[in-house]
């Protein structure tokens, strides 16, 4: 067991390292959120925006893998949602119109912690 109380699974360590590296690249890159409102007004007839800017190495490192990273994360979220879906828990309930539901994967009461974590992350 490691110092943080987690098991020593090398696959988990590899995944955490990749996530930490992605997070570090994203934190070092420039946020374009404030510039997008301005840039959106510059879209020409061709549907593109002529942009001249200076990009730091950190920006290029982030942009190089951003598309693939987003596709991987949306695929992961979709797979998690496929696994963590509600199902009727069965049994007797006092309100037949609202039966108790549980997650079919982890059996927590619906919505389960996994679904709530995905929902909260996407609501930011």
N, C-alpha and C. Protein backbone atom coordinates (compact mmCIF):
# COMPACT_ATOMS: atom_id res chain seq x y z
N UNK A 1 0.84 -1.17 0.00
CA UNK A 1 0.00 0.00 0.00
C UNK A 1 0.89 1.24 0.00
N UNK A 2 0.48 2.28 -0.73
CA UNK A 2 1.27 3.50 -0.82
C UNK A 2 0.97 4.43 0.36
N UNK A 3 1.72 5.52 0.44
CA UNK A 3 1.54 6.46 1.55
C UNK A 3 0.16 7.07 1.58
N UNK A 4 -0.48 7.24 0.44
CA UNK A 4 -1.80 7.88 0.42
C UNK A 4 -2.93 6.89 0.68
N UNK A 5 -2.59 5.65 1.02
CA UNK A 5 -3.61 4.66 1.37
C UNK A 5 -4.14 3.89 0.18
N UNK A 6 -3.61 4.14 -1.01
CA UNK A 6 -4.08 3.43 -2.20
C UNK A 6 -3.22 2.20 -2.43
N UNK A 7 -3.80 1.24 -3.11
CA UNK A 7 -3.06 0.03 -3.45
C UNK A 7 -1.97 0.33 -4.46
N UNK A 8 -1.09 -0.62 -4.67
CA UNK A 8 0.03 -0.40 -5.56
C UNK A 8 -0.19 -0.92 -6.97
N UNK A 9 -1.40 -0.81 -7.49
CA UNK A 9 -1.69 -1.29 -8.84
C UNK A 9 -0.95 -0.43 -9.85
N UNK A 10 -0.06 -1.02 -10.66
CA UNK A 10 0.70 -0.22 -11.63
C UNK A 10 -0.19 0.43 -12.70
N UNK A 11 -1.32 -0.18 -13.02
CA UNK A 11 -2.23 0.42 -14.00
C UNK A 11 -2.83 1.70 -13.45
N UNK A 12 -3.21 1.67 -12.17
CA UNK A 12 -3.75 2.88 -11.55
C UNK A 12 -2.70 3.97 -11.52
N UNK A 13 -1.49 3.61 -11.18
CA UNK A 13 -0.40 4.60 -11.14
C UNK A 13 -0.18 5.21 -12.51
N UNK A 14 -0.22 4.39 -13.57
CA UNK A 14 -0.04 4.89 -14.94
C UNK A 14 -1.15 5.85 -15.32
N UNK A 15 -2.39 5.50 -15.00
CA UNK A 15 -3.52 6.37 -15.33
C UNK A 15 -3.43 7.68 -14.56
N UNK A 16 -3.09 7.60 -13.28
CA UNK A 16 -2.96 8.83 -12.48
C UNK A 16 -1.84 9.72 -13.01
N UNK A 17 -0.73 9.11 -13.43
CA UNK A 17 0.37 9.89 -14.00
C UNK A 17 -0.07 10.61 -15.27
N UNK A 18 -0.81 9.92 -16.12
CA UNK A 18 -1.28 10.55 -17.35
C UNK A 18 -2.25 11.68 -17.05
N UNK A 19 -3.14 11.48 -16.08
CA UNK A 19 -4.07 12.54 -15.70
C UNK A 19 -3.34 13.73 -15.10
N UNK A 20 -2.35 13.46 -14.25
CA UNK A 20 -1.56 14.56 -13.66
C UNK A 20 -0.80 15.33 -14.74
N UNK A 21 -0.26 14.62 -15.73
CA UNK A 21 0.47 15.28 -16.82
C UNK A 21 -0.48 16.15 -17.64
N UNK A 22 -1.67 15.64 -17.93
CA UNK A 22 -2.66 16.41 -18.68
C UNK A 22 -3.08 17.64 -17.90
N UNK A 23 -3.34 17.47 -16.61
CA UNK A 23 -3.73 18.59 -15.77
C UNK A 23 -2.63 19.65 -15.74
N UNK A 24 -1.38 19.22 -15.62
CA UNK A 24 -0.26 20.16 -15.59
C UNK A 24 -0.15 20.92 -16.91
N UNK A 25 -0.32 20.22 -18.05
CA UNK A 25 -0.27 20.89 -19.35
C UNK A 25 -1.39 21.91 -19.47
N UNK A 26 -2.58 21.54 -19.02
CA UNK A 26 -3.72 22.45 -19.11
C UNK A 26 -3.53 23.68 -18.22
N UNK A 27 -2.97 23.49 -17.04
CA UNK A 27 -2.77 24.62 -16.13
C UNK A 27 -1.70 25.58 -16.64
N UNK A 28 -0.73 25.08 -17.38
CA UNK A 28 0.33 25.93 -17.91
C UNK A 28 -0.10 26.67 -19.17
N UNK A 29 -1.08 26.15 -19.88
CA UNK A 29 -1.52 26.76 -21.13
C UNK A 29 -2.36 28.00 -20.85
N UNK A 30 -2.41 28.88 -21.82
CA UNK A 30 -3.19 30.11 -21.72
C UNK A 30 -4.67 29.80 -21.87
N UNK A 31 -5.49 30.41 -21.04
CA UNK A 31 -6.94 30.27 -21.16
C UNK A 31 -7.44 31.26 -22.21
N UNK A 32 -8.18 30.77 -23.18
CA UNK A 32 -8.69 31.61 -24.26
C UNK A 32 -10.14 32.02 -24.05
N UNK A 33 -10.71 31.71 -22.90
CA UNK A 33 -12.14 31.94 -22.67
C UNK A 33 -12.53 33.39 -22.91
N UNK A 34 -11.78 34.34 -22.38
CA UNK A 34 -12.15 35.75 -22.54
C UNK A 34 -11.98 36.23 -23.98
N UNK A 35 -11.07 35.63 -24.71
CA UNK A 35 -10.82 36.06 -26.09
C UNK A 35 -11.84 35.49 -27.07
N UNK A 36 -12.54 34.44 -26.70
CA UNK A 36 -13.45 33.80 -27.66
C UNK A 36 -14.63 34.68 -28.03
N UNK A 37 -15.13 35.49 -27.10
CA UNK A 37 -16.25 36.38 -27.44
C UNK A 37 -15.82 37.36 -28.52
N UNK A 38 -14.63 37.91 -28.39
CA UNK A 38 -14.11 38.84 -29.39
C UNK A 38 -13.85 38.11 -30.71
N UNK A 39 -13.20 36.95 -30.64
CA UNK A 39 -12.86 36.20 -31.86
C UNK A 39 -14.10 35.72 -32.61
N UNK A 40 -15.17 35.41 -31.90
CA UNK A 40 -16.40 34.94 -32.54
C UNK A 40 -16.97 36.01 -33.47
N UNK A 41 -16.77 37.28 -33.15
CA UNK A 41 -17.26 38.37 -34.01
C UNK A 41 -16.43 38.52 -35.28
N UNK A 42 -15.25 37.90 -35.32
CA UNK A 42 -14.36 38.02 -36.47
C UNK A 42 -14.51 36.91 -37.50
N UNK A 43 -15.44 35.99 -37.27
CA UNK A 43 -15.63 34.88 -38.21
C UNK A 43 -16.05 35.46 -39.56
N UNK A 44 -15.29 35.10 -40.57
CA UNK A 44 -15.56 35.62 -41.91
C UNK A 44 -16.50 34.74 -42.71
N UNK A 45 -16.68 35.08 -43.97
CA UNK A 45 -17.57 34.31 -44.86
C UNK A 45 -17.12 32.86 -45.01
N UNK A 46 -15.83 32.65 -44.91
CA UNK A 46 -15.30 31.29 -45.05
C UNK A 46 -15.53 30.45 -43.80
N UNK A 47 -16.01 31.10 -42.74
CA UNK A 47 -16.26 30.37 -41.49
C UNK A 47 -15.03 30.25 -40.61
N UNK A 48 -13.99 31.00 -40.93
CA UNK A 48 -12.77 30.95 -40.15
C UNK A 48 -12.44 32.33 -39.59
N UNK A 49 -11.53 32.35 -38.65
CA UNK A 49 -11.07 33.60 -38.03
C UNK A 49 -9.58 33.73 -38.29
N UNK A 50 -9.18 34.82 -38.94
CA UNK A 50 -7.74 35.03 -39.12
C UNK A 50 -7.14 35.51 -37.79
N UNK A 51 -6.31 34.68 -37.20
CA UNK A 51 -5.74 35.00 -35.89
C UNK A 51 -4.23 35.06 -36.00
N UNK A 52 -3.70 36.13 -35.46
CA UNK A 52 -2.25 36.25 -35.33
C UNK A 52 -1.96 36.39 -33.85
N UNK A 53 -1.24 35.46 -33.34
CA UNK A 53 -0.93 35.49 -31.92
C UNK A 53 0.39 34.79 -31.67
N UNK A 54 0.91 35.03 -30.51
CA UNK A 54 2.12 34.32 -30.10
C UNK A 54 1.70 33.22 -29.14
N UNK A 55 2.15 32.03 -29.44
CA UNK A 55 1.83 30.88 -28.59
C UNK A 55 3.09 30.45 -27.86
N UNK A 56 2.94 30.23 -26.57
CA UNK A 56 4.05 29.73 -25.76
C UNK A 56 4.20 28.23 -26.00
N UNK A 57 5.34 27.69 -25.63
CA UNK A 57 5.55 26.24 -25.76
C UNK A 57 4.47 25.46 -25.03
N UNK A 58 4.08 25.97 -23.86
CA UNK A 58 3.05 25.30 -23.07
C UNK A 58 1.72 25.25 -23.81
N UNK A 59 1.41 26.34 -24.53
CA UNK A 59 0.17 26.36 -25.31
C UNK A 59 0.21 25.32 -26.43
N UNK A 60 1.33 25.25 -27.12
CA UNK A 60 1.48 24.28 -28.21
C UNK A 60 1.42 22.85 -27.68
N UNK A 61 2.05 22.61 -26.54
CA UNK A 61 2.02 21.26 -25.95
C UNK A 61 0.60 20.86 -25.60
N UNK A 62 -0.17 21.80 -25.07
CA UNK A 62 -1.56 21.50 -24.71
C UNK A 62 -2.40 21.30 -25.96
N UNK A 63 -2.28 22.21 -26.92
CA UNK A 63 -3.10 22.13 -28.14
C UNK A 63 -2.79 20.89 -28.97
N UNK A 64 -1.55 20.43 -28.92
CA UNK A 64 -1.16 19.26 -29.70
C UNK A 64 -1.99 18.03 -29.35
N UNK A 65 -2.33 17.87 -28.09
CA UNK A 65 -3.08 16.68 -27.68
C UNK A 65 -4.50 16.95 -27.23
N UNK A 66 -4.95 18.21 -27.29
CA UNK A 66 -6.25 18.57 -26.73
C UNK A 66 -7.41 17.80 -27.39
N UNK A 67 -7.42 17.71 -28.70
CA UNK A 67 -8.52 17.03 -29.39
C UNK A 67 -8.60 15.56 -28.98
N UNK A 68 -7.46 14.89 -29.00
CA UNK A 68 -7.44 13.48 -28.63
C UNK A 68 -7.81 13.28 -27.15
N UNK A 69 -7.35 14.19 -26.30
CA UNK A 69 -7.68 14.10 -24.88
C UNK A 69 -9.18 14.28 -24.64
N UNK A 70 -9.78 15.25 -25.32
CA UNK A 70 -11.22 15.48 -25.17
C UNK A 70 -12.01 14.27 -25.68
N UNK A 71 -11.59 13.72 -26.82
CA UNK A 71 -12.27 12.53 -27.34
C UNK A 71 -12.16 11.36 -26.36
N UNK A 72 -10.98 11.19 -25.77
CA UNK A 72 -10.79 10.11 -24.80
C UNK A 72 -11.68 10.31 -23.57
N UNK A 73 -11.76 11.55 -23.08
CA UNK A 73 -12.58 11.80 -21.90
C UNK A 73 -14.06 11.67 -22.18
N UNK A 74 -14.51 12.10 -23.34
CA UNK A 74 -15.93 11.93 -23.65
C UNK A 74 -16.26 10.45 -23.84
N UNK A 75 -15.34 9.70 -24.42
CA UNK A 75 -15.54 8.26 -24.52
C UNK A 75 -15.61 7.61 -23.15
N UNK A 76 -14.72 8.00 -22.26
CA UNK A 76 -14.73 7.48 -20.89
C UNK A 76 -16.03 7.82 -20.19
N UNK A 77 -16.46 9.08 -20.30
CA UNK A 77 -17.71 9.49 -19.64
C UNK A 77 -18.89 8.69 -20.19
N UNK A 78 -18.92 8.49 -21.49
CA UNK A 78 -20.00 7.70 -22.09
C UNK A 78 -20.00 6.26 -21.58
N UNK A 79 -18.82 5.67 -21.49
CA UNK A 79 -18.73 4.29 -20.97
C UNK A 79 -19.17 4.22 -19.51
N UNK A 80 -18.78 5.21 -18.72
CA UNK A 80 -19.19 5.24 -17.31
C UNK A 80 -20.71 5.40 -17.19
N UNK A 81 -21.29 6.24 -18.04
CA UNK A 81 -22.74 6.40 -18.02
C UNK A 81 -23.45 5.13 -18.45
N UNK A 82 -22.87 4.39 -19.39
CA UNK A 82 -23.45 3.11 -19.79
C UNK A 82 -23.44 2.12 -18.63
N UNK A 83 -22.38 2.15 -17.83
CA UNK A 83 -22.29 1.25 -16.68
C UNK A 83 -23.16 1.69 -15.52
N UNK A 84 -23.15 2.98 -15.24
CA UNK A 84 -23.85 3.51 -14.06
C UNK A 84 -25.18 4.12 -14.49
N UNK A 85 -26.16 3.22 -14.61
CA UNK A 85 -27.52 3.60 -15.00
C UNK A 85 -28.47 3.16 -13.91
N UNK A 86 -29.60 3.84 -13.80
CA UNK A 86 -30.56 3.43 -12.76
C UNK A 86 -31.32 2.17 -13.16
N UNK A 87 -31.71 1.45 -12.15
CA UNK A 87 -32.60 0.32 -12.35
C UNK A 87 -33.54 0.26 -11.15
N UNK A 88 -34.67 -0.36 -11.35
CA UNK A 88 -35.63 -0.52 -10.27
C UNK A 88 -35.01 -1.40 -9.19
N UNK A 89 -35.07 -0.94 -7.96
CA UNK A 89 -34.46 -1.69 -6.86
C UNK A 89 -35.34 -2.84 -6.40
N UNK A 90 -36.57 -2.87 -6.87
CA UNK A 90 -37.48 -3.93 -6.45
C UNK A 90 -37.97 -3.65 -5.03
N UNK A 91 -38.71 -4.55 -4.52
CA UNK A 91 -39.21 -4.39 -3.16
C UNK A 91 -40.45 -3.53 -3.10
N UNK A 92 -40.93 -3.37 -1.90
CA UNK A 92 -42.17 -2.63 -1.66
C UNK A 92 -41.82 -1.16 -1.39
N UNK A 93 -42.61 -0.28 -1.97
CA UNK A 93 -42.40 1.14 -1.75
C UNK A 93 -43.71 1.79 -1.39
N UNK A 94 -43.63 2.88 -0.65
CA UNK A 94 -44.84 3.58 -0.24
C UNK A 94 -45.39 4.46 -1.37
N UNK A 95 -44.57 4.73 -2.38
CA UNK A 95 -44.99 5.56 -3.50
C UNK A 95 -44.74 4.81 -4.80
N UNK A 96 -45.76 4.10 -5.32
CA UNK A 96 -45.57 3.32 -6.53
C UNK A 96 -45.21 4.17 -7.76
N UNK A 97 -45.52 5.47 -7.75
CA UNK A 97 -45.18 6.35 -8.86
C UNK A 97 -43.69 6.70 -8.88
N UNK A 98 -43.01 6.58 -7.72
CA UNK A 98 -41.58 6.88 -7.60
C UNK A 98 -40.87 5.73 -6.90
N UNK A 99 -40.68 4.63 -7.60
CA UNK A 99 -40.02 3.49 -6.96
C UNK A 99 -38.56 3.80 -6.64
N UNK A 100 -38.04 3.12 -5.65
CA UNK A 100 -36.64 3.28 -5.29
C UNK A 100 -35.80 2.71 -6.43
N UNK A 101 -34.80 3.47 -6.84
CA UNK A 101 -33.92 3.01 -7.91
C UNK A 101 -32.49 2.93 -7.39
N UNK A 102 -31.74 2.01 -7.94
CA UNK A 102 -30.33 1.84 -7.60
C UNK A 102 -29.52 1.78 -8.88
N UNK A 103 -28.24 2.09 -8.75
CA UNK A 103 -27.34 2.01 -9.89
C UNK A 103 -27.11 0.54 -10.23
N UNK A 104 -27.17 0.22 -11.50
CA UNK A 104 -27.01 -1.19 -11.87
C UNK A 104 -25.58 -1.67 -11.72
N UNK A 105 -24.59 -0.76 -11.67
CA UNK A 105 -23.19 -1.18 -11.56
C UNK A 105 -22.74 -1.26 -10.10
N UNK A 106 -22.99 -0.21 -9.33
CA UNK A 106 -22.45 -0.17 -7.96
C UNK A 106 -23.51 -0.39 -6.90
N UNK A 107 -24.77 -0.43 -7.29
CA UNK A 107 -25.91 -0.68 -6.42
C UNK A 107 -26.15 0.40 -5.36
N UNK A 108 -25.52 1.55 -5.50
CA UNK A 108 -25.83 2.68 -4.63
C UNK A 108 -27.20 3.20 -5.02
N UNK A 109 -27.84 3.88 -4.10
CA UNK A 109 -29.12 4.51 -4.40
C UNK A 109 -28.89 5.56 -5.49
N UNK A 110 -29.85 5.61 -6.43
CA UNK A 110 -29.72 6.50 -7.58
C UNK A 110 -30.06 7.92 -7.20
N UNK A 111 -29.31 8.91 -7.66
CA UNK A 111 -28.13 8.84 -8.50
C UNK A 111 -26.90 8.45 -7.69
N UNK A 112 -26.11 7.55 -8.23
CA UNK A 112 -24.94 7.03 -7.52
C UNK A 112 -23.81 8.07 -7.54
N UNK A 113 -22.79 7.88 -6.69
CA UNK A 113 -21.68 8.85 -6.64
C UNK A 113 -20.96 9.03 -7.98
N UNK A 114 -20.84 7.98 -8.77
CA UNK A 114 -20.17 8.11 -10.07
C UNK A 114 -20.96 9.01 -11.00
N UNK A 115 -22.27 8.79 -11.08
CA UNK A 115 -23.11 9.63 -11.92
C UNK A 115 -23.09 11.07 -11.43
N UNK A 116 -23.17 11.27 -10.12
CA UNK A 116 -23.15 12.64 -9.56
C UNK A 116 -21.83 13.34 -9.87
N UNK A 117 -20.71 12.61 -9.81
CA UNK A 117 -19.41 13.21 -10.11
C UNK A 117 -19.33 13.66 -11.56
N UNK A 118 -19.84 12.84 -12.48
CA UNK A 118 -19.86 13.22 -13.90
C UNK A 118 -20.77 14.42 -14.11
N UNK A 119 -21.94 14.37 -13.52
CA UNK A 119 -22.90 15.46 -13.66
C UNK A 119 -22.33 16.77 -13.12
N UNK A 120 -21.70 16.73 -11.95
CA UNK A 120 -21.11 17.93 -11.36
C UNK A 120 -19.97 18.46 -12.20
N UNK A 121 -19.13 17.57 -12.73
CA UNK A 121 -18.00 18.01 -13.55
C UNK A 121 -18.47 18.71 -14.82
N UNK A 122 -19.55 18.23 -15.41
CA UNK A 122 -20.06 18.83 -16.64
C UNK A 122 -20.87 20.09 -16.38
N UNK A 123 -21.34 20.31 -15.16
CA UNK A 123 -22.08 21.51 -14.83
C UNK A 123 -21.20 22.72 -14.55
N UNK A 124 -19.90 22.53 -14.45
CA UNK A 124 -19.00 23.65 -14.14
C UNK A 124 -18.96 24.64 -15.26
